[in-house]
Amino acid sequence: MTNDLDARVRAKRAERFGAASTGERPQAAPAKGKPTGDRWRTFNQFVDVIQPHLPLAVSRVWNVAFRHARGGRVELTVRTTAAAAGVSDSTAADCLNRLVAVGLLWVIWKSKDRTKGSWYGVHPNPGDLLARVKTVPAIGTVEDRNRTD
């Protein structure tokens, strides 16, 4: 008897607050877009194959870019990237340039205004770029300081 009373009270309250139905809650719709498994595959490839060959600062900047990427694109400013990665602004800019040179990121649109972000694309299969990653010198190495370009 109390269950019937509780059900009637809930139904009356629901009608009063404008609910259309007091039945079962509808199931949540499945998420649209690519499944999250693609992001995990990309992240795992980076950590397992590429990260051991990168300096810590470059790895941190890639992780910041990947964390904020949606649909393979990310909008970044040097200042916010540097703050999130725990590096200086100049190091963050150098890391972004190195990631673009290797192909882990590519420039979609480069902002001329320092306060606005530039758009980058994130490579979906970083494991394919291992040969290119090994050719890029580490930040601050002797080869880097002796460059003329």
N, C-alpha and C. Protein backbone atom coordinates (compact mmCIF):
# COMPACT_ATOMS: atom_id res chain seq x y z
N MET A 1 0.81 -1.19 0.00
CA MET A 1 0.00 0.00 0.00
C MET A 1 0.85 1.26 0.00
N THR A 2 1.94 1.26 0.77
CA THR A 2 2.78 2.45 0.81
C THR A 2 3.49 2.67 -0.51
N ASN A 3 3.80 1.57 -1.24
CA ASN A 3 4.43 1.73 -2.54
C ASN A 3 3.49 2.42 -3.52
N ASP A 4 2.19 2.08 -3.49
CA ASP A 4 1.22 2.73 -4.35
C ASP A 4 1.10 4.21 -4.00
N LEU A 5 1.12 4.50 -2.70
CA LEU A 5 1.01 5.87 -2.25
C LEU A 5 2.23 6.67 -2.70
N ASP A 6 3.42 6.07 -2.54
CA ASP A 6 4.65 6.75 -2.97
C ASP A 6 4.63 7.01 -4.47
N ALA A 7 4.15 6.06 -5.25
CA ALA A 7 4.10 6.21 -6.69
C ALA A 7 3.12 7.32 -7.07
N ARG A 8 2.00 7.37 -6.38
CA ARG A 8 1.02 8.42 -6.69
C ARG A 8 1.56 9.80 -6.30
N VAL A 9 2.25 9.88 -5.19
CA VAL A 9 2.83 11.16 -4.76
C VAL A 9 3.90 11.62 -5.76
N ARG A 10 4.74 10.69 -6.20
CA ARG A 10 5.77 11.04 -7.19
C ARG A 10 5.13 11.49 -8.49
N ALA A 11 4.07 10.81 -8.93
CA ALA A 11 3.39 11.18 -10.17
C ALA A 11 2.78 12.57 -10.06
N LYS A 12 2.18 12.87 -8.91
CA LYS A 12 1.55 14.17 -8.71
C LYS A 12 2.60 15.29 -8.71
N ARG A 13 3.73 15.03 -8.06
CA ARG A 13 4.82 16.02 -8.04
C ARG A 13 5.37 16.23 -9.45
N ALA A 14 5.51 15.14 -10.19
CA ALA A 14 6.05 15.25 -11.53
C ALA A 14 5.12 16.07 -12.42
N GLU A 15 3.82 15.86 -12.29
CA GLU A 15 2.85 16.63 -13.07
C GLU A 15 2.92 18.11 -12.69
N ARG A 16 3.09 18.36 -11.42
CA ARG A 16 3.13 19.73 -10.94
C ARG A 16 4.35 20.48 -11.49
N PHE A 17 5.47 19.79 -11.62
CA PHE A 17 6.70 20.42 -12.11
C PHE A 17 6.89 20.28 -13.61
N GLY A 18 5.89 19.78 -14.32
CA GLY A 18 5.92 19.77 -15.77
C GLY A 18 6.58 18.57 -16.41
N ALA A 19 6.77 17.50 -15.69
CA ALA A 19 7.36 16.30 -16.30
C ALA A 19 6.32 15.65 -17.20
N ALA A 20 6.76 15.18 -18.35
CA ALA A 20 5.84 14.57 -19.30
C ALA A 20 5.47 13.16 -18.88
N SER A 21 6.41 12.44 -18.30
CA SER A 21 6.15 11.06 -17.95
C SER A 21 6.87 10.74 -16.66
N THR A 22 6.30 9.84 -15.89
CA THR A 22 6.96 9.44 -14.65
C THR A 22 7.52 8.03 -14.78
N GLY A 23 7.59 7.51 -16.00
CA GLY A 23 8.09 6.16 -16.22
C GLY A 23 9.60 6.08 -16.06
N GLU A 24 10.13 5.06 -16.66
CA GLU A 24 11.58 4.84 -16.59
C GLU A 24 12.32 5.98 -17.28
N ARG A 25 13.52 6.24 -16.80
CA ARG A 25 14.35 7.25 -17.44
C ARG A 25 14.84 6.73 -18.79
N PRO A 26 14.88 7.59 -19.79
CA PRO A 26 15.39 7.14 -21.09
C PRO A 26 16.89 6.88 -21.01
N GLN A 27 17.34 5.94 -21.81
CA GLN A 27 18.76 5.64 -21.86
C GLN A 27 19.50 6.76 -22.57
N ALA A 28 20.72 7.02 -22.12
CA ALA A 28 21.53 8.05 -22.76
C ALA A 28 21.88 7.62 -24.18
N ALA A 29 21.86 8.59 -25.08
CA ALA A 29 22.20 8.30 -26.47
C ALA A 29 23.70 8.02 -26.56
N PRO A 30 24.09 7.11 -27.43
CA PRO A 30 25.53 6.85 -27.57
C PRO A 30 26.25 8.08 -28.09
N ALA A 31 27.51 8.24 -27.70
CA ALA A 31 28.30 9.39 -28.12
C ALA A 31 28.52 9.35 -29.63
N LYS A 32 28.45 10.52 -30.23
CA LYS A 32 28.65 10.60 -31.67
C LYS A 32 30.12 10.86 -31.96
N GLY A 33 30.54 10.59 -33.17
CA GLY A 33 31.92 10.82 -33.56
C GLY A 33 32.73 9.56 -33.43
N LYS A 34 34.05 9.73 -33.48
CA LYS A 34 34.94 8.58 -33.39
C LYS A 34 34.95 8.03 -31.97
N PRO A 35 35.12 6.75 -31.83
CA PRO A 35 35.23 6.20 -30.48
C PRO A 35 36.53 6.65 -29.84
N THR A 36 36.55 6.66 -28.50
CA THR A 36 37.73 7.14 -27.79
C THR A 36 38.90 6.19 -27.93
N GLY A 37 38.68 5.00 -28.44
CA GLY A 37 39.77 4.06 -28.62
C GLY A 37 40.84 4.58 -29.57
N ASP A 38 40.44 5.43 -30.55
CA ASP A 38 41.42 6.01 -31.46
C ASP A 38 42.37 6.94 -30.72
N ARG A 39 41.84 7.70 -29.79
CA ARG A 39 42.70 8.60 -29.01
C ARG A 39 43.65 7.80 -28.13
N TRP A 40 43.17 6.72 -27.54
CA TRP A 40 44.03 5.89 -26.71
C TRP A 40 45.11 5.23 -27.55
N ARG A 41 44.76 4.80 -28.76
CA ARG A 41 45.75 4.19 -29.64
C ARG A 41 46.84 5.20 -29.98
N THR A 42 46.44 6.42 -30.30
CA THR A 42 47.41 7.47 -30.61
C THR A 42 48.30 7.76 -29.42
N PHE A 43 47.69 7.89 -28.25
CA PHE A 43 48.46 8.19 -27.04
C PHE A 43 49.44 7.06 -26.71
N ASN A 44 48.96 5.83 -26.80
CA ASN A 44 49.84 4.69 -26.49
C ASN A 44 50.98 4.57 -27.48
N GLN A 45 50.73 4.82 -28.76
CA GLN A 45 51.81 4.80 -29.75
C GLN A 45 52.85 5.86 -29.42
N PHE A 46 52.38 7.04 -29.04
CA PHE A 46 53.33 8.11 -28.70
C PHE A 46 54.19 7.72 -27.50
N VAL A 47 53.54 7.24 -26.45
CA VAL A 47 54.27 6.90 -25.23
C VAL A 47 55.22 5.73 -25.45
N ASP A 48 54.79 4.72 -26.16
CA ASP A 48 55.60 3.51 -26.34
C ASP A 48 56.71 3.67 -27.37
N VAL A 49 56.43 4.40 -28.46
CA VAL A 49 57.37 4.41 -29.58
C VAL A 49 58.15 5.72 -29.67
N ILE A 50 57.49 6.84 -29.53
CA ILE A 50 58.10 8.14 -29.81
C ILE A 50 58.72 8.79 -28.57
N GLN A 51 58.02 8.79 -27.45
CA GLN A 51 58.46 9.52 -26.27
C GLN A 51 59.88 9.18 -25.81
N PRO A 52 60.32 7.92 -25.86
CA PRO A 52 61.68 7.65 -25.42
C PRO A 52 62.76 8.36 -26.24
N HIS A 53 62.42 8.83 -27.44
CA HIS A 53 63.40 9.47 -28.31
C HIS A 53 63.30 10.99 -28.28
N LEU A 54 62.41 11.54 -27.47
CA LEU A 54 62.23 12.99 -27.41
C LEU A 54 62.75 13.55 -26.09
N PRO A 55 63.22 14.79 -26.12
CA PRO A 55 63.55 15.46 -24.86
C PRO A 55 62.27 15.68 -24.03
N LEU A 56 62.44 15.84 -22.75
CA LEU A 56 61.30 15.97 -21.85
C LEU A 56 60.41 17.15 -22.21
N ALA A 57 61.00 18.30 -22.54
CA ALA A 57 60.20 19.48 -22.85
C ALA A 57 59.34 19.25 -24.09
N VAL A 58 59.88 18.63 -25.11
CA VAL A 58 59.12 18.36 -26.34
C VAL A 58 57.98 17.39 -26.04
N SER A 59 58.27 16.39 -25.24
CA SER A 59 57.24 15.42 -24.86
C SER A 59 56.11 16.09 -24.08
N ARG A 60 56.46 16.99 -23.18
CA ARG A 60 55.43 17.70 -22.41
C ARG A 60 54.56 18.57 -23.30
N VAL A 61 55.18 19.25 -24.25
CA VAL A 61 54.41 20.12 -25.14
C VAL A 61 53.47 19.28 -26.01
N TRP A 62 53.94 18.12 -26.49
CA TRP A 62 53.05 17.26 -27.27
C TRP A 62 51.89 16.78 -26.41
N ASN A 63 52.15 16.43 -25.16
CA ASN A 63 51.08 15.98 -24.27
C ASN A 63 50.05 17.08 -24.06
N VAL A 64 50.49 18.33 -23.93
CA VAL A 64 49.55 19.45 -23.79
C VAL A 64 48.71 19.57 -25.05
N ALA A 65 49.37 19.50 -26.21
CA ALA A 65 48.63 19.61 -27.48
C ALA A 65 47.62 18.48 -27.61
N PHE A 66 48.05 17.27 -27.29
CA PHE A 66 47.17 16.11 -27.42
C PHE A 66 45.99 16.21 -26.45
N ARG A 67 46.25 16.69 -25.25
CA ARG A 67 45.19 16.80 -24.24
C ARG A 67 44.08 17.73 -24.70
N HIS A 68 44.44 18.80 -25.38
CA HIS A 68 43.45 19.79 -25.80
C HIS A 68 42.91 19.55 -27.21
N ALA A 69 43.41 18.54 -27.90
CA ALA A 69 42.98 18.28 -29.27
C ALA A 69 41.59 17.65 -29.29
N ARG A 70 40.79 18.09 -30.22
CA ARG A 70 39.47 17.52 -30.46
C ARG A 70 39.31 17.35 -31.95
N GLY A 71 39.03 16.14 -32.36
CA GLY A 71 38.88 15.87 -33.79
C GLY A 71 40.18 16.03 -34.56
N GLY A 72 41.31 15.83 -33.89
CA GLY A 72 42.60 15.94 -34.57
C GLY A 72 43.13 17.34 -34.69
N ARG A 73 42.40 18.34 -34.16
CA ARG A 73 42.84 19.73 -34.23
C ARG A 73 42.95 20.31 -32.83
N VAL A 74 43.88 21.26 -32.69
CA VAL A 74 44.07 21.91 -31.40
C VAL A 74 44.44 23.37 -31.63
N GLU A 75 43.91 24.25 -30.79
CA GLU A 75 44.27 25.65 -30.84
C GLU A 75 45.18 25.93 -29.65
N LEU A 76 46.39 26.42 -29.93
CA LEU A 76 47.38 26.64 -28.88
C LEU A 76 47.98 28.04 -28.99
N THR A 77 48.24 28.65 -27.86
CA THR A 77 49.11 29.82 -27.81
C THR A 77 50.39 29.38 -27.12
N VAL A 78 51.47 30.05 -27.44
CA VAL A 78 52.76 29.68 -26.86
C VAL A 78 52.72 29.86 -25.35
N ARG A 79 52.11 30.94 -24.91
CA ARG A 79 52.09 31.24 -23.47
C ARG A 79 51.31 30.19 -22.68
N THR A 80 50.12 29.82 -23.13
CA THR A 80 49.33 28.82 -22.39
C THR A 80 49.97 27.44 -22.49
N THR A 81 50.59 27.14 -23.62
CA THR A 81 51.29 25.86 -23.77
C THR A 81 52.46 25.80 -22.81
N ALA A 82 53.23 26.90 -22.72
CA ALA A 82 54.38 26.94 -21.82
C ALA A 82 53.94 26.78 -20.37
N ALA A 83 52.86 27.45 -20.00
CA ALA A 83 52.39 27.34 -18.62
C ALA A 83 51.92 25.93 -18.29
N ALA A 84 51.22 25.31 -19.22
CA ALA A 84 50.71 23.96 -18.97
C ALA A 84 51.82 22.92 -18.97
N ALA A 85 52.86 23.13 -19.78
CA ALA A 85 53.96 22.16 -19.87
C ALA A 85 55.05 22.42 -18.82
N GLY A 86 55.02 23.58 -18.19
CA GLY A 86 56.02 23.90 -17.18
C GLY A 86 57.36 24.27 -17.79
N VAL A 87 57.34 24.93 -18.94
CA VAL A 87 58.57 25.37 -19.60
C VAL A 87 58.44 26.85 -19.90
N SER A 88 59.54 27.48 -20.35
CA SER A 88 59.50 28.89 -20.70
C SER A 88 58.79 29.07 -22.05
N ASP A 89 58.42 30.33 -22.32
CA ASP A 89 57.74 30.63 -23.58
C ASP A 89 58.62 30.29 -24.79
N SER A 90 59.90 30.63 -24.70
CA SER A 90 60.80 30.37 -25.83
C SER A 90 61.00 28.87 -26.03
N THR A 91 61.07 28.11 -24.95
CA THR A 91 61.20 26.66 -25.07
C THR A 91 59.94 26.06 -25.67
N ALA A 92 58.78 26.55 -25.25
CA ALA A 92 57.52 26.05 -25.81
C ALA A 92 57.44 26.33 -27.30
N ALA A 93 57.85 27.53 -27.72
CA ALA A 93 57.84 27.87 -29.15
C ALA A 93 58.80 26.96 -29.92
N ASP A 94 59.99 26.73 -29.36
CA ASP A 94 60.96 25.85 -30.00
C ASP A 94 60.41 24.42 -30.09
N CYS A 95 59.78 23.95 -29.02
CA CYS A 95 59.21 22.59 -29.02
C CYS A 95 58.11 22.45 -30.07
N LEU A 96 57.24 23.45 -30.18
CA LEU A 96 56.19 23.41 -31.19
C LEU A 96 56.80 23.35 -32.59
N ASN A 97 57.85 24.14 -32.82
CA ASN A 97 58.52 24.11 -34.13
C ASN A 97 59.15 22.76 -34.40
N ARG A 98 59.72 22.14 -33.39
CA ARG A 98 60.33 20.82 -33.57
C ARG A 98 59.26 19.75 -33.83
N LEU A 99 58.14 19.84 -33.13
CA LEU A 99 57.06 18.88 -33.37
C LEU A 99 56.50 19.03 -34.78
N VAL A 100 56.45 20.26 -35.28
CA VAL A 100 56.00 20.48 -36.66
C VAL A 100 57.05 19.93 -37.63
N ALA A 101 58.34 20.16 -37.34
CA ALA A 101 59.41 19.68 -38.22
C ALA A 101 59.40 18.16 -38.34
N VAL A 102 59.09 17.49 -37.24
CA VAL A 102 59.07 16.03 -37.24
C VAL A 102 57.80 15.49 -37.90
N GLY A 103 56.70 16.23 -37.78
CA GLY A 103 55.44 15.79 -38.35
C GLY A 103 54.43 15.33 -37.31
N LEU A 104 54.80 15.38 -36.03
CA LEU A 104 53.84 15.00 -34.99
C LEU A 104 52.70 16.02 -34.90
N LEU A 105 52.99 17.27 -35.23
CA LEU A 105 51.98 18.32 -35.38
C LEU A 105 52.17 18.94 -36.76
N TRP A 106 51.13 19.53 -37.31
CA TRP A 106 51.27 20.31 -38.52
C TRP A 106 50.44 21.57 -38.36
N VAL A 107 50.86 22.62 -39.04
CA VAL A 107 50.22 23.92 -38.91
C VAL A 107 49.01 23.97 -39.83
N ILE A 108 47.86 24.22 -39.23
CA ILE A 108 46.65 24.45 -40.01
C ILE A 108 46.53 25.94 -40.30
N TRP A 109 46.73 26.75 -39.27
CA TRP A 109 46.67 28.20 -39.40
C TRP A 109 47.58 28.81 -38.36
N LYS A 110 48.49 29.68 -38.78
CA LYS A 110 49.45 30.32 -37.88
C LYS A 110 48.99 31.74 -37.61
N SER A 111 48.78 32.06 -36.33
CA SER A 111 48.34 33.39 -35.94
C SER A 111 49.51 34.36 -35.94
N LYS A 112 49.27 35.56 -36.44
CA LYS A 112 50.30 36.61 -36.37
C LYS A 112 50.17 37.41 -35.08
N ASP A 113 49.05 37.26 -34.41
CA ASP A 113 48.80 37.94 -33.14
C ASP A 113 49.20 36.98 -32.01
N ARG A 114 50.10 37.42 -31.13
CA ARG A 114 50.61 36.55 -30.07
C ARG A 114 49.54 36.18 -29.05
N THR A 115 48.47 36.98 -28.96
CA THR A 115 47.44 36.69 -27.97
C THR A 115 46.42 35.67 -28.47
N LYS A 116 46.41 35.43 -29.77
CA LYS A 116 45.47 34.46 -30.33
C LYS A 116 46.21 33.17 -30.64
N GLY A 117 45.49 32.09 -30.54
CA GLY A 117 46.11 30.79 -30.76
C GLY A 117 46.26 30.43 -32.22
N SER A 118 47.23 29.58 -32.49
CA SER A 118 47.40 29.00 -33.80
C SER A 118 46.74 27.63 -33.80
N TRP A 119 46.27 27.20 -34.97
CA TRP A 119 45.64 25.90 -35.09
C TRP A 119 46.65 24.89 -35.60
N TYR A 120 46.74 23.76 -34.92
CA TYR A 120 47.62 22.67 -35.30
C TYR A 120 46.81 21.40 -35.48
N GLY A 121 47.30 20.54 -36.33
CA GLY A 121 46.74 19.20 -36.46
C GLY A 121 47.65 18.22 -35.72
N VAL A 122 47.05 17.21 -35.11
CA VAL A 122 47.81 16.20 -34.38
C VAL A 122 47.85 14.93 -35.21
N HIS A 123 49.05 14.40 -35.45
CA HIS A 123 49.21 13.20 -36.27
C HIS A 123 48.54 12.02 -35.58
N PRO A 124 47.64 11.30 -36.27
CA PRO A 124 46.89 10.22 -35.63
C PRO A 124 47.71 8.95 -35.39
N ASN A 125 48.83 8.76 -36.11
CA ASN A 125 49.66 7.57 -35.96
C ASN A 125 51.11 7.98 -35.72
N PRO A 126 51.44 8.41 -34.51
CA PRO A 126 52.80 8.88 -34.27
C PRO A 126 53.86 7.81 -34.43
N GLY A 127 53.50 6.54 -34.31
CA GLY A 127 54.46 5.46 -34.47
C GLY A 127 55.06 5.41 -35.87
N ASP A 128 54.35 5.96 -36.86
CA ASP A 128 54.85 5.96 -38.23
C ASP A 128 56.01 6.93 -38.43
N LEU A 129 56.25 7.83 -37.47
CA LEU A 129 57.24 8.88 -37.63
C LEU A 129 58.53 8.63 -36.87
N LEU A 130 58.77 7.41 -36.43
CA LEU A 130 59.94 7.13 -35.60
C LEU A 130 61.24 7.47 -36.31
N ALA A 131 61.37 7.18 -37.58
CA ALA A 131 62.62 7.47 -38.31
C ALA A 131 62.88 8.98 -38.36
N ARG A 132 61.83 9.77 -38.51
CA ARG A 132 61.99 11.23 -38.55
C ARG A 132 62.32 11.78 -37.17
N VAL A 133 61.75 11.20 -36.13
CA VAL A 133 61.99 11.69 -34.77
C VAL A 133 63.44 11.50 -34.38
N LYS A 134 64.04 10.41 -34.79
CA LYS A 134 65.43 10.12 -34.42
C LYS A 134 66.41 11.10 -35.07
N THR A 135 66.03 11.78 -36.14
CA THR A 135 66.94 12.69 -36.82
C THR A 135 66.92 14.10 -36.26
N VAL A 136 65.96 14.44 -35.42
CA VAL A 136 65.86 15.79 -34.88
C VAL A 136 66.70 15.88 -33.61
N PRO A 137 67.66 16.83 -33.55
CA PRO A 137 68.50 16.92 -32.36
C PRO A 137 67.71 17.41 -31.15
N ALA A 138 68.22 17.07 -29.98
CA ALA A 138 67.57 17.49 -28.74
C ALA A 138 67.74 19.00 -28.55
N ILE A 139 66.89 19.58 -27.73
CA ILE A 139 66.95 21.01 -27.47
C ILE A 139 68.23 21.32 -26.69
N GLY A 140 68.96 22.33 -27.15
CA GLY A 140 70.14 22.78 -26.44
C GLY A 140 71.38 21.95 -26.68
N THR A 141 71.38 21.05 -27.66
CA THR A 141 72.57 20.25 -27.93
C THR A 141 73.59 21.08 -28.70
N VAL A 142 74.80 20.60 -28.81
CA VAL A 142 75.86 21.31 -29.53
C VAL A 142 75.48 21.51 -30.98
N GLU A 143 74.89 20.49 -31.62
CA GLU A 143 74.46 20.63 -33.01
C GLU A 143 73.44 21.74 -33.15
N ASP A 144 72.59 21.90 -32.15
CA ASP A 144 71.55 22.91 -32.19
C ASP A 144 72.16 24.31 -32.09
N ARG A 145 73.15 24.49 -31.24
CA ARG A 145 73.76 25.82 -31.08
C ARG A 145 74.61 26.21 -32.28
N ASN A 146 75.14 25.24 -33.00
CA ASN A 146 76.01 25.53 -34.14
C ASN A 146 75.26 25.65 -35.46
N ARG A 147 73.93 25.57 -35.42
CA ARG A 147 73.15 25.69 -36.65
C ARG A 147 73.25 27.09 -37.20
N THR A 148 73.20 27.20 -38.51
CA THR A 148 73.28 28.51 -39.16
C THR A 148 71.97 28.93 -39.78
N ASP A 149 70.96 28.08 -39.76
CA ASP A 149 69.68 28.46 -40.39
C ASP A 149 68.74 29.11 -39.42
